Amino acid sequence: MRVSELMTTNVRLANPNETVQQAARMMASIDAGVLPVGENDRLVGMITDRDIAIKAVAQGKGPNAKVREVMTTDVKYCFDDQDVEEVTRNMADLQVRRLPVVNHDKRLVGILSLGDIALSREGIGTAEALRGISQPGGSHSQTA
């Protein structure tokens, strides 16, 4: 099964010049914990509710701090025509629960979450991915 068959296609983008409060409000309105960040038609980062809590609030930054100050700029992604099983293994290795999905022109076309995979018939690899994602540490650890 290909990523394009499972991904969420209705993805909202944050702008790096928006405030973290605006990003948080957008997350609340779409019931999501992550937003891709785009600038000039390119994916330049990701911001999560955890980024807002740890990199903004815990560091004393107010609601007017810019998204670019707290977003993750080392964006990991997958392609829309990749095999879901391969991507699930990559998610475990990278310790991420969601990946932006791009086409081969590197344009954002969706987002793939562990939940999307779990709800599909391909969900058999979800437990393995969750084990890898849940290991302490990794590149997204807030204490690293």
N, C-alpha and C. Protein backbone atom coordinates (compact mmCIF):
# COMPACT_ATOMS: atom_id res chain seq x y z
N MET A 1 0.84 -1.17 0.00
CA MET A 1 0.00 0.00 0.00
C MET A 1 0.89 1.24 0.00
N ARG A 2 0.48 2.24 -0.74
CA ARG A 2 1.24 3.49 -0.86
C ARG A 2 0.77 4.52 0.16
N VAL A 3 1.67 5.40 0.53
CA VAL A 3 1.37 6.46 1.48
C VAL A 3 0.17 7.28 1.03
N SER A 4 0.07 7.56 -0.25
CA SER A 4 -1.02 8.38 -0.78
C SER A 4 -2.40 7.81 -0.48
N GLU A 5 -2.48 6.50 -0.23
CA GLU A 5 -3.75 5.86 0.06
C GLU A 5 -4.19 6.05 1.51
N LEU A 6 -3.27 6.41 2.39
CA LEU A 6 -3.58 6.54 3.82
C LEU A 6 -3.45 7.95 4.36
N MET A 7 -2.69 8.79 3.71
CA MET A 7 -2.37 10.11 4.26
C MET A 7 -3.60 11.00 4.35
N THR A 8 -3.51 11.96 5.24
CA THR A 8 -4.50 13.02 5.33
C THR A 8 -4.10 14.10 4.35
N THR A 9 -5.02 14.49 3.48
CA THR A 9 -4.67 15.45 2.43
C THR A 9 -5.05 16.89 2.78
N ASN A 10 -5.99 17.06 3.68
CA ASN A 10 -6.44 18.41 4.05
C ASN A 10 -5.53 18.93 5.15
N VAL A 11 -4.36 19.43 4.79
CA VAL A 11 -3.34 19.85 5.75
C VAL A 11 -3.27 21.37 5.80
N ARG A 12 -3.29 21.90 7.00
CA ARG A 12 -3.14 23.34 7.19
C ARG A 12 -1.68 23.64 7.46
N LEU A 13 -1.22 24.77 6.96
CA LEU A 13 0.18 25.20 7.14
C LEU A 13 0.26 26.41 8.05
N ALA A 14 1.27 26.41 8.90
CA ALA A 14 1.60 27.60 9.67
C ALA A 14 2.66 28.36 8.90
N ASN A 15 2.74 29.64 9.15
CA ASN A 15 3.76 30.49 8.57
C ASN A 15 4.81 30.75 9.65
N PRO A 16 6.09 30.74 9.32
CA PRO A 16 7.11 30.95 10.36
C PRO A 16 7.04 32.31 11.05
N ASN A 17 6.37 33.27 10.42
CA ASN A 17 6.25 34.60 11.02
C ASN A 17 4.99 34.76 11.87
N GLU A 18 4.14 33.74 11.90
CA GLU A 18 2.98 33.77 12.78
C GLU A 18 3.45 33.58 14.21
N THR A 19 2.58 33.92 15.13
CA THR A 19 2.91 33.72 16.55
C THR A 19 2.58 32.29 16.96
N VAL A 20 3.19 31.86 18.06
CA VAL A 20 2.87 30.53 18.58
C VAL A 20 1.42 30.48 19.03
N GLN A 21 0.87 31.61 19.47
CA GLN A 21 -0.54 31.63 19.83
C GLN A 21 -1.42 31.36 18.61
N GLN A 22 -1.08 31.96 17.47
CA GLN A 22 -1.84 31.70 16.25
C GLN A 22 -1.73 30.23 15.84
N ALA A 23 -0.53 29.67 15.96
CA ALA A 23 -0.33 28.26 15.61
C ALA A 23 -1.14 27.37 16.55
N ALA A 24 -1.12 27.69 17.85
CA ALA A 24 -1.88 26.90 18.82
C ALA A 24 -3.37 26.98 18.54
N ARG A 25 -3.85 28.14 18.18
CA ARG A 25 -5.28 28.29 17.85
C ARG A 25 -5.64 27.47 16.61
N MET A 26 -4.74 27.46 15.62
CA MET A 26 -5.00 26.68 14.43
C MET A 26 -5.04 25.19 14.78
N MET A 27 -4.09 24.75 15.62
CA MET A 27 -4.08 23.35 16.05
C MET A 27 -5.39 23.00 16.74
N ALA A 28 -5.85 23.89 17.61
CA ALA A 28 -7.11 23.65 18.33
C ALA A 28 -8.29 23.58 17.35
N SER A 29 -8.30 24.44 16.36
CA SER A 29 -9.44 24.49 15.44
C SER A 29 -9.53 23.25 14.55
N ILE A 30 -8.38 22.64 14.27
CA ILE A 30 -8.41 21.44 13.41
C ILE A 30 -8.18 20.16 14.20
N ASP A 31 -8.08 20.29 15.52
CA ASP A 31 -7.88 19.14 16.42
C ASP A 31 -6.64 18.34 16.03
N ALA A 32 -5.51 19.06 15.95
CA ALA A 32 -4.24 18.43 15.59
C ALA A 32 -3.16 18.90 16.55
N GLY A 33 -2.12 18.10 16.70
CA GLY A 33 -1.01 18.45 17.57
C GLY A 33 0.24 18.84 16.82
N VAL A 34 0.11 18.99 15.50
CA VAL A 34 1.27 19.32 14.68
C VAL A 34 0.81 20.12 13.47
N LEU A 35 1.68 21.04 13.06
CA LEU A 35 1.44 21.79 11.83
C LEU A 35 2.73 21.86 11.03
N PRO A 36 2.66 21.55 9.76
CA PRO A 36 3.81 21.84 8.89
C PRO A 36 3.95 23.36 8.79
N VAL A 37 5.17 23.82 8.62
CA VAL A 37 5.42 25.25 8.49
C VAL A 37 5.94 25.49 7.08
N GLY A 38 5.26 26.38 6.37
CA GLY A 38 5.63 26.64 4.99
C GLY A 38 5.94 28.10 4.74
N GLU A 39 6.88 28.32 3.83
CA GLU A 39 7.26 29.67 3.45
C GLU A 39 7.66 29.65 1.98
N ASN A 40 7.12 30.57 1.21
CA ASN A 40 7.41 30.65 -0.22
C ASN A 40 7.19 29.31 -0.91
N ASP A 41 6.07 28.68 -0.61
CA ASP A 41 5.66 27.42 -1.23
C ASP A 41 6.61 26.26 -0.93
N ARG A 42 7.35 26.35 0.17
CA ARG A 42 8.27 25.28 0.57
C ARG A 42 8.04 24.91 2.03
N LEU A 43 8.23 23.65 2.34
CA LEU A 43 8.16 23.16 3.71
C LEU A 43 9.47 23.52 4.40
N VAL A 44 9.38 24.34 5.46
CA VAL A 44 10.60 24.81 6.13
C VAL A 44 10.70 24.34 7.57
N GLY A 45 9.65 23.70 8.08
CA GLY A 45 9.69 23.25 9.45
C GLY A 45 8.41 22.55 9.86
N MET A 46 8.39 22.13 11.12
CA MET A 46 7.21 21.54 11.75
C MET A 46 7.12 22.14 13.14
N ILE A 47 5.90 22.42 13.57
CA ILE A 47 5.69 22.88 14.94
C ILE A 47 4.65 21.98 15.58
N THR A 48 4.95 21.54 16.79
CA THR A 48 4.05 20.65 17.52
C THR A 48 3.57 21.35 18.79
N ASP A 49 2.50 20.78 19.37
CA ASP A 49 2.03 21.30 20.64
C ASP A 49 3.14 21.15 21.69
N ARG A 50 3.94 20.11 21.56
CA ARG A 50 5.07 19.91 22.49
C ARG A 50 6.13 20.99 22.29
N ASP A 51 6.40 21.39 21.05
CA ASP A 51 7.34 22.50 20.81
C ASP A 51 6.86 23.76 21.51
N ILE A 52 5.56 24.02 21.43
CA ILE A 52 5.01 25.21 22.06
C ILE A 52 5.18 25.13 23.57
N ALA A 53 4.92 23.96 24.14
CA ALA A 53 5.03 23.80 25.59
C ALA A 53 6.48 23.87 26.06
N ILE A 54 7.38 23.16 25.38
CA ILE A 54 8.77 23.02 25.86
C ILE A 54 9.67 24.15 25.38
N LYS A 55 9.58 24.51 24.11
CA LYS A 55 10.49 25.51 23.55
C LYS A 55 9.98 26.94 23.68
N ALA A 56 8.69 27.09 23.96
CA ALA A 56 8.15 28.44 24.12
C ALA A 56 7.77 28.70 25.58
N VAL A 57 6.73 28.07 26.05
CA VAL A 57 6.21 28.35 27.39
C VAL A 57 7.25 28.06 28.47
N ALA A 58 7.86 26.88 28.44
CA ALA A 58 8.82 26.50 29.47
C ALA A 58 10.06 27.40 29.45
N GLN A 59 10.35 28.00 28.32
CA GLN A 59 11.51 28.88 28.20
C GLN A 59 11.15 30.34 28.45
N GLY A 60 9.89 30.59 28.86
CA GLY A 60 9.48 31.94 29.19
C GLY A 60 9.11 32.81 28.02
N LYS A 61 8.95 32.20 26.85
CA LYS A 61 8.55 32.99 25.68
C LYS A 61 7.03 33.17 25.73
N GLY A 62 6.59 34.33 25.40
CA GLY A 62 5.16 34.63 25.45
C GLY A 62 4.42 34.17 24.21
N PRO A 63 3.12 34.42 24.18
CA PRO A 63 2.29 33.98 23.06
C PRO A 63 2.63 34.68 21.76
N ASN A 64 3.38 35.78 21.84
CA ASN A 64 3.75 36.50 20.62
C ASN A 64 5.08 36.05 20.02
N ALA A 65 5.71 35.03 20.62
CA ALA A 65 6.93 34.46 20.04
C ALA A 65 6.59 33.93 18.65
N LYS A 66 7.52 34.02 17.77
CA LYS A 66 7.29 33.58 16.39
C LYS A 66 7.46 32.07 16.27
N VAL A 67 6.69 31.49 15.38
CA VAL A 67 6.77 30.06 15.09
C VAL A 67 8.20 29.67 14.76
N ARG A 68 8.89 30.49 13.99
CA ARG A 68 10.27 30.15 13.58
C ARG A 68 11.21 30.00 14.77
N GLU A 69 10.88 30.60 15.92
CA GLU A 69 11.73 30.50 17.11
C GLU A 69 11.63 29.14 17.79
N VAL A 70 10.55 28.42 17.57
CA VAL A 70 10.34 27.16 18.30
C VAL A 70 10.13 25.95 17.38
N MET A 71 9.98 26.17 16.10
CA MET A 71 9.72 25.05 15.19
C MET A 71 10.96 24.18 15.01
N THR A 72 10.73 22.97 14.59
CA THR A 72 11.82 22.06 14.23
C THR A 72 12.15 22.33 12.76
N THR A 73 13.40 22.61 12.48
CA THR A 73 13.78 22.91 11.09
C THR A 73 14.34 21.71 10.35
N ASP A 74 14.75 20.70 11.08
CA ASP A 74 15.26 19.47 10.46
C ASP A 74 14.06 18.57 10.16
N VAL A 75 13.40 18.86 9.06
CA VAL A 75 12.14 18.19 8.73
C VAL A 75 12.40 16.85 8.05
N LYS A 76 11.86 15.82 8.64
CA LYS A 76 11.87 14.50 8.04
C LYS A 76 10.55 14.35 7.29
N TYR A 77 10.57 13.71 6.15
CA TYR A 77 9.36 13.59 5.35
C TYR A 77 9.38 12.27 4.60
N CYS A 78 8.27 11.97 3.97
CA CYS A 78 8.20 10.80 3.10
C CYS A 78 7.55 11.23 1.80
N PHE A 79 7.64 10.36 0.81
CA PHE A 79 7.03 10.65 -0.49
C PHE A 79 5.68 9.96 -0.60
N ASP A 80 4.81 10.56 -1.37
CA ASP A 80 3.45 10.05 -1.51
C ASP A 80 3.39 8.68 -2.17
N ASP A 81 4.42 8.31 -2.93
CA ASP A 81 4.38 7.01 -3.61
C ASP A 81 5.23 5.94 -2.90
N GLN A 82 5.70 6.25 -1.68
CA GLN A 82 6.47 5.26 -0.91
C GLN A 82 5.55 4.19 -0.34
N ASP A 83 6.13 3.05 -0.07
CA ASP A 83 5.41 1.94 0.55
C ASP A 83 5.20 2.24 2.03
N VAL A 84 3.99 2.03 2.53
CA VAL A 84 3.66 2.33 3.92
C VAL A 84 4.52 1.52 4.89
N GLU A 85 4.80 0.29 4.58
CA GLU A 85 5.62 -0.53 5.47
C GLU A 85 7.01 0.06 5.65
N GLU A 86 7.60 0.52 4.56
CA GLU A 86 8.92 1.16 4.62
C GLU A 86 8.86 2.44 5.47
N VAL A 87 7.83 3.24 5.25
CA VAL A 87 7.68 4.50 5.99
C VAL A 87 7.45 4.23 7.48
N THR A 88 6.68 3.19 7.79
CA THR A 88 6.43 2.83 9.19
C THR A 88 7.75 2.49 9.88
N ARG A 89 8.60 1.74 9.21
CA ARG A 89 9.92 1.43 9.79
C ARG A 89 10.74 2.70 10.00
N ASN A 90 10.68 3.60 9.02
CA ASN A 90 11.41 4.87 9.14
C ASN A 90 10.89 5.70 10.30
N MET A 91 9.58 5.70 10.51
CA MET A 91 9.00 6.45 11.62
C MET A 91 9.53 5.91 12.94
N ALA A 92 9.64 4.60 13.05
CA ALA A 92 10.19 3.99 14.27
C ALA A 92 11.64 4.40 14.46
N ASP A 93 12.43 4.33 13.40
CA ASP A 93 13.85 4.70 13.49
C ASP A 93 14.03 6.17 13.85
N LEU A 94 13.18 7.03 13.26
CA LEU A 94 13.28 8.47 13.50
C LEU A 94 12.60 8.90 14.80
N GLN A 95 11.81 8.00 15.37
CA GLN A 95 11.03 8.26 16.58
C GLN A 95 10.06 9.43 16.38
N VAL A 96 9.29 9.36 15.30
CA VAL A 96 8.26 10.37 15.02
C VAL A 96 6.92 9.67 14.80
N ARG A 97 5.87 10.35 15.20
CA ARG A 97 4.52 9.81 15.06
C ARG A 97 3.82 10.31 13.80
N ARG A 98 4.39 11.33 13.18
CA ARG A 98 3.79 11.91 11.99
C ARG A 98 4.90 12.34 11.04
N LEU A 99 4.61 12.23 9.75
CA LEU A 99 5.55 12.72 8.74
C LEU A 99 4.79 13.53 7.70
N PRO A 100 5.33 14.68 7.32
CA PRO A 100 4.74 15.36 6.17
C PRO A 100 4.99 14.52 4.93
N VAL A 101 4.07 14.59 4.00
CA VAL A 101 4.17 13.82 2.76
C VAL A 101 4.35 14.82 1.61
N VAL A 102 5.38 14.59 0.82
CA VAL A 102 5.65 15.46 -0.32
C VAL A 102 5.63 14.64 -1.61
N ASN A 103 5.41 15.36 -2.72
CA ASN A 103 5.55 14.70 -4.02
C ASN A 103 7.00 14.85 -4.46
N HIS A 104 7.32 14.37 -5.64
CA HIS A 104 8.73 14.40 -6.06
C HIS A 104 9.21 15.79 -6.47
N ASP A 105 8.29 16.78 -6.49
CA ASP A 105 8.68 18.18 -6.66
C ASP A 105 8.90 18.83 -5.30
N LYS A 106 8.83 17.99 -4.24
CA LYS A 106 8.99 18.41 -2.84
C LYS A 106 7.92 19.42 -2.42
N ARG A 107 6.73 19.26 -2.96
CA ARG A 107 5.58 20.06 -2.56
C ARG A 107 4.76 19.25 -1.57
N LEU A 108 4.33 19.87 -0.49
CA LEU A 108 3.53 19.20 0.52
C LEU A 108 2.19 18.78 -0.07
N VAL A 109 1.87 17.49 0.08
CA VAL A 109 0.59 16.97 -0.43
C VAL A 109 -0.24 16.31 0.67
N GLY A 110 0.34 16.15 1.87
CA GLY A 110 -0.42 15.52 2.95
C GLY A 110 0.44 15.32 4.17
N ILE A 111 -0.13 14.59 5.12
CA ILE A 111 0.59 14.22 6.32
C ILE A 111 0.17 12.81 6.69
N LEU A 112 1.12 12.00 7.11
CA LEU A 112 0.84 10.62 7.48
C LEU A 112 1.13 10.46 8.97
N SER A 113 0.14 9.96 9.69
CA SER A 113 0.32 9.76 11.13
C SER A 113 0.28 8.28 11.45
N LEU A 114 0.81 7.96 12.60
CA LEU A 114 0.76 6.59 13.08
C LEU A 114 -0.71 6.15 13.20
N GLY A 115 -1.58 7.08 13.56
CA GLY A 115 -3.01 6.79 13.64
C GLY A 115 -3.59 6.43 12.29
N ASP A 116 -3.17 7.12 11.22
CA ASP A 116 -3.64 6.78 9.87
C ASP A 116 -3.28 5.34 9.53
N ILE A 117 -2.07 4.96 9.89
CA ILE A 117 -1.59 3.61 9.61
C ILE A 117 -2.34 2.59 10.45
N ALA A 118 -2.52 2.90 11.74
CA ALA A 118 -3.19 1.98 12.66
C ALA A 118 -4.62 1.68 12.22
N LEU A 119 -5.29 2.66 11.65
CA LEU A 119 -6.68 2.49 11.24
C LEU A 119 -6.83 1.75 9.91
N SER A 120 -5.73 1.51 9.24
CA SER A 120 -5.79 0.83 7.94
C SER A 120 -5.53 -0.66 8.10
N ARG A 121 -5.72 -1.36 7.02
CA ARG A 121 -5.38 -2.79 7.05
C ARG A 121 -3.88 -3.00 7.12
N GLU A 122 -3.12 -1.93 6.88
CA GLU A 122 -1.66 -2.00 6.99
C GLU A 122 -1.21 -1.80 8.44
N GLY A 123 -2.14 -1.61 9.34
CA GLY A 123 -1.85 -1.29 10.73
C GLY A 123 -1.06 -2.34 11.48
N ILE A 124 -0.80 -3.46 10.85
CA ILE A 124 -0.07 -4.54 11.51
C ILE A 124 1.32 -4.11 11.97
N GLY A 125 1.96 -3.16 11.28
CA GLY A 125 3.29 -2.70 11.66
C GLY A 125 3.27 -1.59 12.69
N THR A 126 2.09 -1.18 13.10
CA THR A 126 1.97 -0.04 14.00
C THR A 126 2.61 -0.31 15.35
N ALA A 127 2.43 -1.49 15.90
CA ALA A 127 3.00 -1.81 17.22
C ALA A 127 4.52 -1.72 17.17
N GLU A 128 5.12 -2.22 16.11
CA GLU A 128 6.58 -2.15 15.98
C GLU A 128 7.04 -0.70 15.88
N ALA A 129 6.32 0.09 15.11
CA ALA A 129 6.68 1.49 14.98
C ALA A 129 6.55 2.20 16.32
N LEU A 130 5.47 1.95 17.04
CA LEU A 130 5.25 2.59 18.33
C LEU A 130 6.34 2.22 19.33
N ARG A 131 6.79 0.96 19.28
CA ARG A 131 7.90 0.55 20.16
C ARG A 131 9.14 1.40 19.88
N GLY A 132 9.47 1.56 18.62
CA GLY A 132 10.64 2.35 18.26
C GLY A 132 10.49 3.81 18.59
N ILE A 133 9.31 4.36 18.33
CA ILE A 133 9.04 5.76 18.60
C ILE A 133 9.10 6.05 20.09
N SER A 134 8.64 5.13 20.89
CA SER A 134 8.51 5.34 22.33
C SER A 134 9.80 5.14 23.11
N GLN A 135 10.88 4.73 22.47
CA GLN A 135 12.15 4.57 23.16
C GLN A 135 12.63 5.92 23.66
N PRO A 136 13.21 5.99 24.85
CA PRO A 136 13.72 7.26 25.36
C PRO A 136 14.80 7.82 24.45
N GLY A 137 14.87 9.15 24.41
CA GLY A 137 15.91 9.82 23.64
C GLY A 137 15.49 10.04 22.21
N GLY A 138 16.44 10.00 21.31
CA GLY A 138 16.16 10.25 19.91
C GLY A 138 16.34 11.72 19.58
N SER A 139 16.29 12.03 18.30
CA SER A 139 16.57 13.38 17.85
C SER A 139 15.52 14.39 18.27
N HIS A 140 14.34 13.93 18.65
CA HIS A 140 13.28 14.85 19.05
C HIS A 140 13.11 14.94 20.56
N SER A 141 14.02 14.37 21.29
CA SER A 141 13.96 14.45 22.74
C SER A 141 14.14 15.91 23.18
N GLN A 142 13.35 16.34 24.11
CA GLN A 142 13.44 17.72 24.59
C GLN A 142 14.58 17.88 25.58
N THR A 143 15.18 16.79 26.02
CA THR A 143 16.28 16.89 26.98
C THR A 143 17.63 16.66 26.33
N ALA A 144 17.63 16.33 25.04
CA ALA A 144 18.91 16.06 24.34
C ALA A 144 19.64 17.33 24.02
